C-alpha atoms as a PDB file:
ATOM      1  CA  MET A   1     144.820 113.648  91.367  1.00  0.00           C
ATOM      2  CA  ASP A   2     145.937 109.895  90.635  1.00  0.00           C
ATOM      3  CA  LEU A   3     145.266 108.566  87.291  1.00  0.00           C
ATOM      4  CA  LYS A   4     142.095 106.781  88.080  1.00  0.00           C
ATOM      5  CA  SER A   5     140.473 109.245  89.284  1.00  0.00           C
ATOM      6  CA  ARG A   6     141.323 111.457  86.447  1.00  0.00           C
ATOM      7  CA  LYS A   7     139.797 108.951  83.928  1.00  0.00           C
ATOM      8  CA  ARG A   8     136.431 109.039  86.028  1.00  0.00           C
ATOM      9  CA  LEU A   9     136.391 112.526  85.731  1.00  0.00           C
ATOM     10  CA  SER A  10     137.071 112.910  82.424  1.00  0.00           C
ATOM     11  CA  ILE A  11     134.228 110.426  81.347  1.00  0.00           C
ATOM     12  CA  LEU A  12     132.154 112.379  84.092  1.00  0.00           C
ATOM     13  CA  ILE A  13     133.039 116.036  82.545  1.00  0.00           C
ATOM     14  CA  LEU A  14     132.510 114.458  79.324  1.00  0.00           C
ATOM     15  CA  LEU A  15     128.880 112.300  79.350  1.00  0.00           C
ATOM     16  CA  VAL A  16     127.085 114.788  82.377  1.00  0.00           C
ATOM     17  CA  LEU A  17     128.840 118.298  81.747  1.00  0.00           C
ATOM     18  CA  MET A  18     129.549 118.496  78.267  1.00  0.00           C
ATOM     19  CA  PRO A  19     125.943 118.368  76.981  1.00  0.00           C
ATOM     20  CA  VAL A  20     124.942 120.583  79.991  1.00  0.00           C
ATOM     21  CA  TYR A  21     127.425 123.382  78.564  1.00  0.00           C
ATOM     22  CA  VAL A  22     126.211 122.754  74.483  1.00  0.00           C
ATOM     23  CA  ILE A  23     122.500 123.321  76.043  1.00  0.00           C
ATOM     24  CA  VAL A  24     124.007 126.627  77.527  1.00  0.00           C
ATOM     25  CA  ALA A  25     126.149 127.708  74.470  1.00  0.00           C
ATOM     26  CA  VAL A  26     122.709 127.193  72.071  1.00  0.00           C
ATOM     27  CA  SER A  27     120.767 129.055  74.454  1.00  0.00           C
ATOM     28  CA  LEU A  28     122.878 131.873  74.368  1.00  0.00           C
ATOM     29  CA  MET A  29     123.360 132.237  70.737  1.00  0.00           C
ATOM     30  CA  ASN A  30     119.465 131.905  70.366  1.00  0.00           C
ATOM     31  CA  TRP A  31     119.138 134.317  72.923  1.00  0.00           C
ATOM     32  CA  LEU A  32     121.793 136.723  70.975  1.00  0.00           C
ATOM     33  CA  ASP A  33     119.692 136.290  68.068  1.00  0.00           C
ATOM     34  CA  GLY A  34     116.331 137.341  69.624  1.00  0.00           C
ATOM     35  CA  GLN A  35     118.211 140.555  71.244  1.00  0.00           C
ATOM     36  CA  PHE A  36     120.155 142.119  68.830  1.00  0.00           C
ATOM     37  CA  GLY A  37     118.773 139.303  65.012  1.00  0.00           C
ATOM     38  CA  ARG A  38     120.853 137.406  63.031  1.00  0.00           C
ATOM     39  CA  GLN A  39     124.319 138.205  63.215  1.00  0.00           C
ATOM     40  CA  PRO A  40     126.567 137.523  59.865  1.00  0.00           C
ATOM     41  CA  ILE A  41     127.891 133.917  59.798  1.00  0.00           C
ATOM     42  CA  TRP A  42     131.794 135.228  60.186  1.00  0.00           C
ATOM     43  CA  VAL A  43     130.321 136.342  63.604  1.00  0.00           C
ATOM     44  CA  GLU A  44     128.997 132.861  64.625  1.00  0.00           C
ATOM     45  CA  VAL A  45     131.377 130.825  63.996  1.00  0.00           C
ATOM     46  CA  VAL A  46     133.885 133.228  65.744  1.00  0.00           C
ATOM     47  CA  ILE A  47     131.486 132.723  68.743  1.00  0.00           C
ATOM     48  CA  TYR A  48     131.172 128.797  68.662  1.00  0.00           C
ATOM     49  CA  LEU A  49     135.154 129.035  67.991  1.00  0.00           C
ATOM     50  CA  LEU A  50     135.223 130.985  71.163  1.00  0.00           C
ATOM     51  CA  LEU A  51     132.671 129.035  73.022  1.00  0.00           C
ATOM     52  CA  GLY A  52     134.120 125.376  72.206  1.00  0.00           C
ATOM     53  CA  ILE A  53     137.922 126.416  73.081  1.00  0.00           C
ATOM     54  CA  LEU A  54     136.568 127.951  76.761  1.00  0.00           C
ATOM     55  CA  TRP A  55     134.923 124.743  78.233  1.00  0.00           C
ATOM     56  CA  ALA A  56     137.841 123.078  77.860  1.00  0.00           C
ATOM     57  CA  MET A  57     140.114 125.708  79.514  1.00  0.00           C
ATOM     58  CA  PRO A  58     139.244 125.080  83.184  1.00  0.00           C
ATOM     59  CA  PHE A  59     139.722 120.645  83.162  1.00  0.00           C
ATOM     60  CA  LYS A  60     143.120 121.000  81.062  1.00  0.00           C
ATOM     61  CA  ARG A  61     144.840 119.474  84.091  1.00  0.00           C
ATOM     62  CA  VAL A  62     142.220 116.557  84.152  1.00  0.00           C
ATOM     63  CA  PHE A  63     142.600 115.606  80.600  1.00  0.00           C
ATOM     64  CA  ARG A  64     146.290 115.647  80.560  1.00  0.00           C
ATOM     65  CA  GLY A  65     147.562 112.114  80.336  1.00  0.00           C
ATOM     66  CA  VAL A  66     144.132 110.351  80.780  1.00  0.00           C
ATOM     67  CA  GLY A  67     145.150 108.269  77.152  1.00  0.00           C
ATOM     68  CA  LYS A  68     147.965 107.533  77.911  1.00  0.00           C
ATOM     69  CA  GLY A  69     148.965 104.086  80.563  1.00  0.00           C
ATOM     70  CA  GLU A  70     150.079 103.679  83.950  1.00  0.00           C
END
């Protein structure tokens, strides 16, 4: 994939897919809160950290080298 198409795809990911992922992650946390009650703060921090890292894994190749010049 050339640099121009990777830049376009990364913008699409950040502007469209990232907000959708945030909504899904917060909905998941709200569902967990409703099902099991409020978790200790350290458990919530670990879950949010894992969700924050998890979203980037499939797109690592797209974002690599996007900030560099041609």
